[in-house]
Amino acid sequence: MISLGETVTWRARYFGIYQTLTVQITAIESPVRFVDQMLSGAFASMHHTHLFEPHSAGTRMIDMFDYTSPLGPLGLLADWLFLKRYMTNLLRQRNSLIKQVAENAQGL
């Protein structure tokens, strides 16, 4: 389990370029939500809230992902052309994997 104030760093390839991102857990209200905020990485800023709500089929997970692209007007153009869609798809894929792992772990 992760704790308030902890940092997580990962390296991944996005658009063919390796990037290292570090986030810090800035809020935890277990089991309802936790928030991470980027300390360093590709975005000018990033704030990610993970919400968990009871649902008739189990738990609903909601992502609220706010970011500011780097490079000012060029970043805004990238958002409009492809980045917003790319980030939405990335979060959907990641959440699908989290769902599979969580549902398979229930039987352990």
PDB file of N, CA and C in Angstrom:
ATOM      1  N   MET A   1       0.839  -1.180   0.000  1.00  0.00           N
ATOM      2  CA  MET A   1       0.000   0.000   0.000  1.00  0.00           C
ATOM      3  C   MET A   1       0.882   1.241   0.000  1.00  0.00           C
ATOM      4  N   ILE A   2       0.466   2.235  -0.680  1.00  0.00           N
ATOM      5  CA  ILE A   2       1.236   3.476  -0.761  1.00  0.00           C
ATOM      6  C   ILE A   2       0.741   4.446   0.314  1.00  0.00           C
ATOM      7  N   SER A   3       1.621   5.310   0.756  1.00  0.00           N
ATOM      8  CA  SER A   3       1.301   6.231   1.845  1.00  0.00           C
ATOM      9  C   SER A   3       1.406   7.680   1.398  1.00  0.00           C
ATOM     10  N   LEU A   4       0.780   8.534   2.157  1.00  0.00           N
ATOM     11  CA  LEU A   4       0.827   9.972   1.914  1.00  0.00           C
ATOM     12  C   LEU A   4       2.273  10.454   1.889  1.00  0.00           C
ATOM     13  N   GLY A   5       2.611  11.228   0.892  1.00  0.00           N
ATOM     14  CA  GLY A   5       3.952  11.788   0.776  1.00  0.00           C
ATOM     15  C   GLY A   5       4.937  10.928   0.008  1.00  0.00           C
ATOM     16  N   GLU A   6       4.601   9.658  -0.221  1.00  0.00           N
ATOM     17  CA  GLU A   6       5.508   8.786  -0.977  1.00  0.00           C
ATOM     18  C   GLU A   6       5.578   9.231  -2.431  1.00  0.00           C
ATOM     19  N   THR A   7       6.693   8.892  -3.055  1.00  0.00           N
ATOM     20  CA  THR A   7       6.866   9.194  -4.473  1.00  0.00           C
ATOM     21  C   THR A   7       6.969   7.900  -5.267  1.00  0.00           C
ATOM     22  N   VAL A   8       6.553   7.987  -6.509  1.00  0.00           N
ATOM     23  CA  VAL A   8       6.645   6.868  -7.444  1.00  0.00           C
ATOM     24  C   VAL A   8       7.306   7.407  -8.706  1.00  0.00           C
ATOM     25  N   THR A   9       8.333   6.706  -9.166  1.00  0.00           N
ATOM     26  CA  THR A   9       9.027   7.093 -10.392  1.00  0.00           C
ATOM     27  C   THR A   9       8.967   5.931 -11.366  1.00  0.00           C
ATOM     28  N   TRP A  10       8.668   6.219 -12.609  1.00  0.00           N
ATOM     29  CA  TRP A  10       8.673   5.184 -13.631  1.00  0.00           C
ATOM     30  C   TRP A  10       9.210   5.753 -14.934  1.00  0.00           C
ATOM     31  N   ARG A  11       9.662   4.832 -15.753  1.00  0.00           N
ATOM     32  CA  ARG A  11      10.191   5.185 -17.070  1.00  0.00           C
ATOM     33  C   ARG A  11       9.378   4.420 -18.098  1.00  0.00           C
ATOM     34  N   ALA A  12       8.894   5.126 -19.084  1.00  0.00           N
ATOM     35  CA  ALA A  12       8.066   4.498 -20.115  1.00  0.00           C
ATOM     36  C   ALA A  12       8.305   5.204 -21.438  1.00  0.00           C
ATOM     37  N   ARG A  13       7.896   4.533 -22.492  1.00  0.00           N
ATOM     38  CA  ARG A  13       8.063   5.111 -23.821  1.00  0.00           C
ATOM     39  C   ARG A  13       6.714   5.613 -24.321  1.00  0.00           C
ATOM     40  N   TYR A  14       6.662   6.889 -24.624  1.00  0.00           N
ATOM     41  CA  TYR A  14       5.480   7.524 -25.188  1.00  0.00           C
ATOM     42  C   TYR A  14       5.894   8.193 -26.489  1.00  0.00           C
ATOM     43  N   PHE A  15       5.172   7.919 -27.544  1.00  0.00           N
ATOM     44  CA  PHE A  15       5.480   8.483 -28.862  1.00  0.00           C
ATOM     45  C   PHE A  15       6.907   8.154 -29.287  1.00  0.00           C
ATOM     46  N   GLY A  16       7.389   6.976 -28.884  1.00  0.00           N
ATOM     47  CA  GLY A  16       8.720   6.537 -29.278  1.00  0.00           C
ATOM     48  C   GLY A  16       9.862   7.147 -28.487  1.00  0.00           C
ATOM     49  N   ILE A  17       9.550   7.940 -27.477  1.00  0.00           N
ATOM     50  CA  ILE A  17      10.579   8.605 -26.676  1.00  0.00           C
ATOM     51  C   ILE A  17      10.470   8.131 -25.232  1.00  0.00           C
ATOM     52  N   TYR A  18      11.603   7.681 -24.658  1.00  0.00           N
ATOM     53  CA  TYR A  18      11.601   7.287 -23.254  1.00  0.00           C
ATOM     54  C   TYR A  18      11.522   8.524 -22.376  1.00  0.00           C
ATOM     55  N   GLN A  19      10.637   8.444 -21.384  1.00  0.00           N
ATOM     56  CA  GLN A  19      10.449   9.545 -20.449  1.00  0.00           C
ATOM     57  C   GLN A  19      10.412   8.998 -19.037  1.00  0.00           C
ATOM     58  N   THR A  20      10.918   9.773 -18.107  1.00  0.00           N
ATOM     59  CA  THR A  20      10.863   9.424 -16.693  1.00  0.00           C
ATOM     60  C   THR A  20       9.937  10.415 -16.004  1.00  0.00           C
ATOM     61  N   LEU A  21       8.981   9.880 -15.269  1.00  0.00           N
ATOM     62  CA  LEU A  21       8.034  10.716 -14.536  1.00  0.00           C
ATOM     63  C   LEU A  21       8.089  10.354 -13.060  1.00  0.00           C
ATOM     64  N   THR A  22       7.971  11.354 -12.205  1.00  0.00           N
ATOM     65  CA  THR A  22       7.905  11.151 -10.761  1.00  0.00           C
ATOM     66  C   THR A  22       6.670  11.870 -10.243  1.00  0.00           C
ATOM     67  N   VAL A  23       5.863  11.141  -9.476  1.00  0.00           N
ATOM     68  CA  VAL A  23       4.683  11.728  -8.844  1.00  0.00           C
ATOM     69  C   VAL A  23       4.777  11.534  -7.340  1.00  0.00           C
ATOM     70  N   GLN A  24       4.084  12.394  -6.618  1.00  0.00           N
ATOM     71  CA  GLN A  24       4.001  12.278  -5.163  1.00  0.00           C
ATOM     72  C   GLN A  24       2.538  12.118  -4.784  1.00  0.00           C
ATOM     73  N   ILE A  25       2.283  11.235  -3.818  1.00  0.00           N
ATOM     74  CA  ILE A  25       0.931  11.055  -3.301  1.00  0.00           C
ATOM     75  C   ILE A  25       0.646  12.239  -2.379  1.00  0.00           C
ATOM     76  N   THR A  26      -0.321  13.070  -2.771  1.00  0.00           N
ATOM     77  CA  THR A  26      -0.589  14.299  -2.026  1.00  0.00           C
ATOM     78  C   THR A  26      -1.853  14.230  -1.176  1.00  0.00           C
ATOM     79  N   ALA A  27      -2.669  13.199  -1.375  1.00  0.00           N
ATOM     80  CA  ALA A  27      -3.873  13.021  -0.561  1.00  0.00           C
ATOM     81  C   ALA A  27      -4.285  11.558  -0.614  1.00  0.00           C
ATOM     82  N   ILE A  28      -4.724  11.056   0.525  1.00  0.00           N
ATOM     83  CA  ILE A  28      -5.291   9.704   0.595  1.00  0.00           C
ATOM     84  C   ILE A  28      -6.493   9.767   1.527  1.00  0.00           C
ATOM     85  N   GLU A  29      -7.593   9.242   1.052  1.00  0.00           N
ATOM     86  CA  GLU A  29      -8.799   9.091   1.850  1.00  0.00           C
ATOM     87  C   GLU A  29      -9.313   7.681   1.561  1.00  0.00           C
ATOM     88  N   SER A  30      -8.658   6.709   2.169  1.00  0.00           N
ATOM     89  CA  SER A  30      -8.951   5.305   1.891  1.00  0.00           C
ATOM     90  C   SER A  30     -10.319   4.938   2.458  1.00  0.00           C
ATOM     91  N   PRO A  31     -11.112   4.209   1.747  1.00  0.00           N
ATOM     92  CA  PRO A  31     -10.936   3.631   0.417  1.00  0.00           C
ATOM     93  C   PRO A  31     -11.582   4.471  -0.687  1.00  0.00           C
ATOM     94  N   VAL A  32     -11.781   5.758  -0.449  1.00  0.00           N
ATOM     95  CA  VAL A  32     -12.561   6.601  -1.352  1.00  0.00           C
ATOM     96  C   VAL A  32     -11.731   7.216  -2.477  1.00  0.00           C
ATOM     97  N   ARG A  33     -10.508   7.696  -2.155  1.00  0.00           N
ATOM     98  CA  ARG A  33      -9.733   8.370  -3.190  1.00  0.00           C
ATOM     99  C   ARG A  33      -8.278   8.487  -2.781  1.00  0.00           C
ATOM    100  N   PHE A  34      -7.438   8.704  -3.795  1.00  0.00           N
ATOM    101  CA  PHE A  34      -6.083   9.178  -3.563  1.00  0.00           C
ATOM    102  C   PHE A  34      -5.698  10.070  -4.730  1.00  0.00           C
ATOM    103  N   VAL A  35      -4.731  10.945  -4.474  1.00  0.00           N
ATOM    104  CA  VAL A  35      -4.334  11.949  -5.454  1.00  0.00           C
ATOM    105  C   VAL A  35      -2.828  11.903  -5.616  1.00  0.00           C
ATOM    106  N   ASP A  36      -2.369  11.942  -6.860  1.00  0.00           N
ATOM    107  CA  ASP A  36      -0.936  12.088  -7.103  1.00  0.00           C
ATOM    108  C   ASP A  36      -0.702  13.321  -7.962  1.00  0.00           C
ATOM    109  N   GLN A  37       0.443  13.936  -7.729  1.00  0.00           N
ATOM    110  CA  GLN A  37       0.815  15.149  -8.446  1.00  0.00           C
ATOM    111  C   GLN A  37       2.232  14.988  -8.972  1.00  0.00           C
ATOM    112  N   MET A  38       2.445  15.382 -10.223  1.00  0.00           N
ATOM    113  CA  MET A  38       3.752  15.228 -10.848  1.00  0.00           C
ATOM    114  C   MET A  38       4.765  16.172 -10.214  1.00  0.00           C
ATOM    115  N   LEU A  39       5.918  15.599  -9.861  1.00  0.00           N
ATOM    116  CA  LEU A  39       7.048  16.390  -9.389  1.00  0.00           C
ATOM    117  C   LEU A  39       8.004  16.694 -10.532  1.00  0.00           C
ATOM    118  N   SER A  40       8.177  15.709 -11.415  1.00  0.00           N
ATOM    119  CA  SER A  40       9.031  15.916 -12.588  1.00  0.00           C
ATOM    120  C   SER A  40       8.548  15.002 -13.702  1.00  0.00           C
ATOM    121  N   GLY A  41       8.693  15.477 -14.922  1.00  0.00           N
ATOM    122  CA  GLY A  41       8.261  14.680 -16.057  1.00  0.00           C
ATOM    123  C   GLY A  41       7.938  15.541 -17.257  1.00  0.00           C
ATOM    124  N   ALA A  42       7.208  14.948 -18.174  1.00  0.00           N
ATOM    125  CA  ALA A  42       6.983  15.544 -19.489  1.00  0.00           C
ATOM    126  C   ALA A  42       6.012  16.718 -19.489  1.00  0.00           C
ATOM    127  N   PHE A  43       5.099  16.771 -18.539  1.00  0.00           N
ATOM    128  CA  PHE A  43       4.087  17.823 -18.537  1.00  0.00           C
ATOM    129  C   PHE A  43       4.583  19.049 -17.778  1.00  0.00           C
ATOM    130  N   ALA A  44       4.001  20.200 -18.095  1.00  0.00           N
ATOM    131  CA  ALA A  44       4.280  21.397 -17.302  1.00  0.00           C
ATOM    132  C   ALA A  44       3.707  21.203 -15.898  1.00  0.00           C
ATOM    133  N   SER A  45       2.555  20.527 -15.809  1.00  0.00           N
ATOM    134  CA  SER A  45       1.961  20.142 -14.528  1.00  0.00           C
ATOM    135  C   SER A  45       1.022  18.968 -14.767  1.00  0.00           C
ATOM    136  N   MET A  46       0.788  18.191 -13.697  1.00  0.00           N
ATOM    137  CA  MET A  46      -0.126  17.057 -13.784  1.00  0.00           C
ATOM    138  C   MET A  46      -0.689  16.778 -12.400  1.00  0.00           C
ATOM    139  N   HIS A  47      -1.995  16.608 -12.320  1.00  0.00           N
ATOM    140  CA  HIS A  47      -2.710  16.327 -11.078  1.00  0.00           C
ATOM    141  C   HIS A  47      -3.705  15.219 -11.395  1.00  0.00           C
ATOM    142  N   HIS A  48      -3.626  14.096 -10.668  1.00  0.00           N
ATOM    143  CA  HIS A  48      -4.418  12.910 -11.001  1.00  0.00           C
ATOM    144  C   HIS A  48      -5.157  12.439  -9.753  1.00  0.00           C
ATOM    145  N   THR A  49      -6.483  12.521  -9.792  1.00  0.00           N
ATOM    146  CA  THR A  49      -7.327  12.056  -8.690  1.00  0.00           C
ATOM    147  C   THR A  49      -7.946  10.724  -9.086  1.00  0.00           C
ATOM    148  N   HIS A  50      -7.828   9.741  -8.198  1.00  0.00           N
ATOM    149  CA  HIS A  50      -8.396   8.407  -8.397  1.00  0.00           C
ATOM    150  C   HIS A  50      -9.548   8.265  -7.398  1.00  0.00           C
ATOM    151  N   LEU A  51     -10.775   8.150  -7.897  1.00  0.00           N
ATOM    152  CA  LEU A  51     -11.951   8.021  -7.039  1.00  0.00           C
ATOM    153  C   LEU A  51     -12.501   6.601  -7.130  1.00  0.00           C
ATOM    154  N   PHE A  52     -13.017   6.102  -6.007  1.00  0.00           N
ATOM    155  CA  PHE A  52     -13.602   4.766  -5.954  1.00  0.00           C
ATOM    156  C   PHE A  52     -14.980   4.876  -5.310  1.00  0.00           C
ATOM    157  N   GLU A  53     -16.014   4.419  -6.037  1.00  0.00           N
ATOM    158  CA  GLU A  53     -17.390   4.509  -5.567  1.00  0.00           C
ATOM    159  C   GLU A  53     -18.031   3.128  -5.565  1.00  0.00           C
ATOM    160  N   PRO A  54     -18.885   2.852  -4.562  1.00  0.00           N
ATOM    161  CA  PRO A  54     -19.644   1.599  -4.592  1.00  0.00           C
ATOM    162  C   PRO A  54     -20.548   1.575  -5.825  1.00  0.00           C
ATOM    163  N   HIS A  55     -20.683   0.394  -6.390  1.00  0.00           N
ATOM    164  CA  HIS A  55     -21.505   0.216  -7.590  1.00  0.00           C
ATOM    165  C   HIS A  55     -22.179  -1.138  -7.476  1.00  0.00           C
ATOM    166  N   SER A  56     -23.326  -1.298  -8.092  1.00  0.00           N
ATOM    167  CA  SER A  56     -24.067  -2.560  -7.984  1.00  0.00           C
ATOM    168  C   SER A  56     -23.239  -3.762  -8.423  1.00  0.00           C
ATOM    169  N   ALA A  57     -22.300  -3.556  -9.348  1.00  0.00           N
ATOM    170  CA  ALA A  57     -21.464  -4.656  -9.837  1.00  0.00           C
ATOM    171  C   ALA A  57     -20.126  -4.730  -9.103  1.00  0.00           C
ATOM    172  N   GLY A  58     -19.933  -3.927  -8.065  1.00  0.00           N
ATOM    173  CA  GLY A  58     -18.668  -3.938  -7.329  1.00  0.00           C
ATOM    174  C   GLY A  58     -18.221  -2.527  -7.001  1.00  0.00           C
ATOM    175  N   THR A  59     -17.157  -2.084  -7.646  1.00  0.00           N
ATOM    176  CA  THR A  59     -16.604  -0.747  -7.413  1.00  0.00           C
ATOM    177  C   THR A  59     -16.410  -0.036  -8.744  1.00  0.00           C
ATOM    178  N   ARG A  60     -16.781   1.219  -8.772  1.00  0.00           N
ATOM    179  CA  ARG A  60     -16.542   2.055  -9.954  1.00  0.00           C
ATOM    180  C   ARG A  60     -15.300   2.903  -9.676  1.00  0.00           C
ATOM    181  N   MET A  61     -14.358   2.881 -10.606  1.00  0.00           N
ATOM    182  CA  MET A  61     -13.149   3.684 -10.488  1.00  0.00           C
ATOM    183  C   MET A  61     -13.260   4.846 -11.471  1.00  0.00           C
ATOM    184  N   ILE A  62     -13.031   6.051 -10.970  1.00  0.00           N
ATOM    185  CA  ILE A  62     -13.122   7.258 -11.793  1.00  0.00           C
ATOM    186  C   ILE A  62     -11.784   7.980 -11.738  1.00  0.00           C
ATOM    187  N   ASP A  63     -11.247   8.314 -12.904  1.00  0.00           N
ATOM    188  CA  ASP A  63     -10.008   9.086 -13.002  1.00  0.00           C
ATOM    189  C   ASP A  63     -10.343  10.524 -13.351  1.00  0.00           C
ATOM    190  N   MET A  64      -9.760  11.440 -12.616  1.00  0.00           N
ATOM    191  CA  MET A  64      -9.812  12.857 -12.968  1.00  0.00           C
ATOM    192  C   MET A  64      -8.368  13.263 -13.216  1.00  0.00           C
ATOM    193  N   PHE A  65      -8.031  13.440 -14.474  1.00  0.00           N
ATOM    194  CA  PHE A  65      -6.646  13.655 -14.892  1.00  0.00           C
ATOM    195  C   PHE A  65      -6.528  15.044 -15.500  1.00  0.00           C
ATOM    196  N   ASP A  66      -5.862  15.925 -14.786  1.00  0.00           N
ATOM    197  CA  ASP A  66      -5.667  17.296 -15.258  1.00  0.00           C
ATOM    198  C   ASP A  66      -4.186  17.512 -15.517  1.00  0.00           C
ATOM    199  N   TYR A  67      -3.884  18.046 -16.675  1.00  0.00           N
ATOM    200  CA  TYR A  67      -2.489  18.301 -17.010  1.00  0.00           C
ATOM    201  C   TYR A  67      -2.379  19.575 -17.832  1.00  0.00           C
ATOM    202  N   THR A  68      -1.183  20.113 -17.832  1.00  0.00           N
ATOM    203  CA  THR A  68      -0.848  21.230 -18.705  1.00  0.00           C
ATOM    204  C   THR A  68       0.328  20.790 -19.556  1.00  0.00           C
ATOM    205  N   SER A  69       0.151  20.858 -20.847  1.00  0.00           N
ATOM    206  CA  SER A  69       1.228  20.465 -21.758  1.00  0.00           C
ATOM    207  C   SER A  69       2.369  21.469 -21.688  1.00  0.00           C
ATOM    208  N   PRO A  70       3.585  20.989 -21.935  1.00  0.00           N
ATOM    209  CA  PRO A  70       4.714  21.918 -22.013  1.00  0.00           C
ATOM    210  C   PRO A  70       4.679  22.671 -23.348  1.00  0.00           C
ATOM    211  N   LEU A  71       5.545  23.586 -23.509  1.00  0.00           N
ATOM    212  CA  LEU A  71       5.787  24.291 -24.777  1.00  0.00           C
ATOM    213  C   LEU A  71       4.700  25.292 -25.161  1.00  0.00           C
ATOM    214  N   GLY A  72       3.949  25.781 -24.173  1.00  0.00           N
ATOM    215  CA  GLY A  72       2.993  26.864 -24.415  1.00  0.00           C
ATOM    216  C   GLY A  72       2.047  26.610 -25.570  1.00  0.00           C
ATOM    217  N   PRO A  73       1.988  27.513 -26.547  1.00  0.00           N
ATOM    218  CA  PRO A  73       1.050  27.369 -27.664  1.00  0.00           C
ATOM    219  C   PRO A  73       1.257  26.087 -28.470  1.00  0.00           C
ATOM    220  N   LEU A  74       2.498  25.644 -28.593  1.00  0.00           N
ATOM    221  CA  LEU A  74       2.762  24.396 -29.312  1.00  0.00           C
ATOM    222  C   LEU A  74       2.141  23.213 -28.564  1.00  0.00           C
ATOM    223  N   GLY A  75       2.224  23.235 -27.227  1.00  0.00           N
ATOM    224  CA  GLY A  75       1.591  22.200 -26.414  1.00  0.00           C
ATOM    225  C   GLY A  75       0.077  22.216 -26.547  1.00  0.00           C
ATOM    226  N   LEU A  76      -0.509  23.406 -26.597  1.00  0.00           N
ATOM    227  CA  LEU A  76      -1.959  23.517 -26.801  1.00  0.00           C
ATOM    228  C   LEU A  76      -2.373  22.934 -28.146  1.00  0.00           C
ATOM    229  N   LEU A  77      -1.572  23.169 -29.160  1.00  0.00           N
ATOM    230  CA  LEU A  77      -1.847  22.600 -30.477  1.00  0.00           C
ATOM    231  C   LEU A  77      -1.750  21.075 -30.429  1.00  0.00           C
ATOM    232  N   ALA A  78      -0.734  20.553 -29.740  1.00  0.00           N
ATOM    233  CA  ALA A  78      -0.586  19.101 -29.591  1.00  0.00           C
ATOM    234  C   ALA A  78      -1.789  18.512 -28.863  1.00  0.00           C
ATOM    235  N   ASP A  79      -2.279  19.202 -27.814  1.00  0.00           N
ATOM    236  CA  ASP A  79      -3.491  18.746 -27.114  1.00  0.00           C
ATOM    237  C   ASP A  79      -4.643  18.600 -28.095  1.00  0.00           C
ATOM    238  N   TRP A  80      -4.856  19.616 -28.884  1.00  0.00           N
ATOM    239  CA  TRP A  80      -5.978  19.641 -29.807  1.00  0.00           C
ATOM    240  C   TRP A  80      -5.838  18.582 -30.897  1.00  0.00           C
ATOM    241  N   LEU A  81      -4.617  18.415 -31.412  1.00  0.00           N
ATOM    242  CA  LEU A  81      -4.399  17.489 -32.521  1.00  0.00           C
ATOM    243  C   LEU A  81      -4.429  16.027 -32.094  1.00  0.00           C
ATOM    244  N   PHE A  82      -3.775  15.692 -30.948  1.00  0.00           N
ATOM    245  CA  PHE A  82      -3.658  14.271 -30.616  1.00  0.00           C
ATOM    246  C   PHE A  82      -3.467  13.951 -29.135  1.00  0.00           C
ATOM    247  N   LEU A  83      -2.907  14.826 -28.331  1.00  0.00           N
ATOM    248  CA  LEU A  83      -2.494  14.444 -26.977  1.00  0.00           C
ATOM    249  C   LEU A  83      -3.671  14.121 -26.066  1.00  0.00           C
ATOM    250  N   LYS A  84      -4.729  14.911 -26.098  1.00  0.00           N
ATOM    251  CA  LYS A  84      -5.883  14.639 -25.236  1.00  0.00           C
ATOM    252  C   LYS A  84      -6.463  13.259 -25.538  1.00  0.00           C
ATOM    253  N   ARG A  85      -6.612  12.940 -26.807  1.00  0.00           N
ATOM    254  CA  ARG A  85      -7.139  11.623 -27.212  1.00  0.00           C
ATOM    255  C   ARG A  85      -6.181  10.509 -26.791  1.00  0.00           C
ATOM    256  N   TYR A  86      -4.887  10.741 -26.972  1.00  0.00           N
ATOM    257  CA  TYR A  86      -3.876   9.755 -26.594  1.00  0.00           C
ATOM    258  C   TYR A  86      -3.926   9.480 -25.088  1.00  0.00           C
ATOM    259  N   MET A  87      -3.991  10.535 -24.275  1.00  0.00           N
ATOM    260  CA  MET A  87      -4.007  10.355 -22.821  1.00  0.00           C
ATOM    261  C   MET A  87      -5.288   9.657 -22.366  1.00  0.00           C
ATOM    262  N   THR A  88      -6.416   9.986 -22.984  1.00  0.00           N
ATOM    263  CA  THR A  88      -7.677   9.318 -22.648  1.00  0.00           C
ATOM    264  C   THR A  88      -7.581   7.825 -22.941  1.00  0.00           C
ATOM    265  N   ASN A  89      -7.061   7.460 -24.101  1.00  0.00           N
ATOM    266  CA  ASN A  89      -6.904   6.045 -24.456  1.00  0.00           C
ATOM    267  C   ASN A  89      -5.913   5.344 -23.540  1.00  0.00           C
ATOM    268  N   LEU A  90      -4.825   6.015 -23.180  1.00  0.00           N
ATOM    269  CA  LEU A  90      -3.835   5.439 -22.271  1.00  0.00           C
ATOM    270  C   LEU A  90      -4.465   5.125 -20.917  1.00  0.00           C
ATOM    271  N   LEU A  91      -5.252   6.046 -20.371  1.00  0.00           N
ATOM    272  CA  LEU A  91      -5.914   5.812 -19.085  1.00  0.00           C
ATOM    273  C   LEU A  91      -6.944   4.692 -19.189  1.00  0.00           C
ATOM    274  N   ARG A  92      -7.678   4.623 -20.284  1.00  0.00           N
ATOM    275  CA  ARG A  92      -8.657   3.540 -20.455  1.00  0.00           C
ATOM    276  C   ARG A  92      -7.969   2.176 -20.497  1.00  0.00           C
ATOM    277  N   GLN A  93      -6.862   2.082 -21.228  1.00  0.00           N
ATOM    278  CA  GLN A  93      -6.127   0.817 -21.298  1.00  0.00           C
ATOM    279  C   GLN A  93      -5.575   0.434 -19.931  1.00  0.00           C
ATOM    280  N   ARG A  94      -5.001   1.398 -19.231  1.00  0.00           N
ATOM    281  CA  ARG A  94      -4.443   1.128 -17.910  1.00  0.00           C
ATOM    282  C   ARG A  94      -5.537   0.686 -16.943  1.00  0.00           C
ATOM    283  N   ASN A  95      -6.689   1.357 -16.993  1.00  0.00           N
ATOM    284  CA  ASN A  95      -7.784   1.000 -16.101  1.00  0.00           C
ATOM    285  C   ASN A  95      -8.356  -0.373 -16.424  1.00  0.00           C
ATOM    286  N   SER A  96      -8.368  -0.753 -17.677  1.00  0.00           N
ATOM    287  CA  SER A  96      -8.812  -2.088 -18.058  1.00  0.00           C
ATOM    288  C   SER A  96      -7.894  -3.150 -17.461  1.00  0.00           C
ATOM    289  N   LEU A  97      -6.599  -2.901 -17.499  1.00  0.00           N
ATOM    290  CA  LEU A  97      -5.638  -3.827 -16.904  1.00  0.00           C
ATOM    291  C   LEU A  97      -5.811  -3.893 -15.387  1.00  0.00           C
ATOM    292  N   ILE A  98      -5.992  -2.754 -14.733  1.00  0.00           N
ATOM    293  CA  ILE A  98      -6.214  -2.729 -13.279  1.00  0.00           C
ATOM    294  C   ILE A  98      -7.461  -3.533 -12.934  1.00  0.00           C
ATOM    295  N   LYS A  99      -8.521  -3.382 -13.713  1.00  0.00           N
ATOM    296  CA  LYS A  99      -9.768  -4.116 -13.478  1.00  0.00           C
ATOM    297  C   LYS A  99      -9.539  -5.620 -13.586  1.00  0.00           C
ATOM    298  N   GLN A 100      -8.833  -6.058 -14.620  1.00  0.00           N
ATOM    299  CA  GLN A 100      -8.555  -7.485 -14.791  1.00  0.00           C
ATOM    300  C   GLN A 100      -7.767  -8.037 -13.610  1.00  0.00           C
ATOM    301  N   VAL A 101      -6.738  -7.331 -13.203  1.00  0.00           N
ATOM    302  CA  VAL A 101      -5.899  -7.788 -12.089  1.00  0.00           C
ATOM    303  C   VAL A 101      -6.714  -7.830 -10.799  1.00  0.00           C
ATOM    304  N   ALA A 102      -7.503  -6.788 -10.533  1.00  0.00           N
ATOM    305  CA  ALA A 102      -8.300  -6.730  -9.305  1.00  0.00           C
ATOM    306  C   ALA A 102      -9.339  -7.844  -9.265  1.00  0.00           C
ATOM    307  N   GLU A 103     -10.005  -8.103 -10.378  1.00  0.00           N
ATOM    308  CA  GLU A 103     -11.028  -9.142 -10.403  1.00  0.00           C
ATOM    309  C   GLU A 103     -10.420 -10.526 -10.269  1.00  0.00           C
ATOM    310  N   ASN A 104      -9.254 -10.754 -10.844  1.00  0.00           N
ATOM    311  CA  ASN A 104      -8.593 -12.049 -10.702  1.00  0.00           C
ATOM    312  C   ASN A 104      -8.022 -12.238  -9.310  1.00  0.00           C
ATOM    313  N   ALA A 105      -7.648 -11.166  -8.639  1.00  0.00           N
ATOM    314  CA  ALA A 105      -7.075 -11.249  -7.294  1.00  0.00           C
ATOM    315  C   ALA A 105      -8.136 -11.544  -6.247  1.00  0.00           C
ATOM    316  N   GLN A 106      -9.411 -11.300  -6.549  1.00  0.00           N
ATOM    317  CA  GLN A 106     -10.471 -11.519  -5.571  1.00  0.00           C
ATOM    318  C   GLN A 106     -10.575 -12.977  -5.162  1.00  0.00           C
ATOM    319  N   GLY A 107     -10.217 -13.881  -6.037  1.00  0.00           N
ATOM    320  CA  GLY A 107     -10.312 -15.300  -5.726  1.00  0.00           C
ATOM    321  C   GLY A 107      -9.131 -15.842  -4.946  1.00  0.00           C
ATOM    322  N   LEU A 108      -8.120 -15.024  -4.700  1.00  0.00           N
ATOM    323  CA  LEU A 108      -6.926 -15.480  -3.983  1.00  0.00           C
ATOM    324  C   LEU A 108      -7.168 -15.623  -2.511  1.00  0.00           C
TER     325      LEU A 108
END
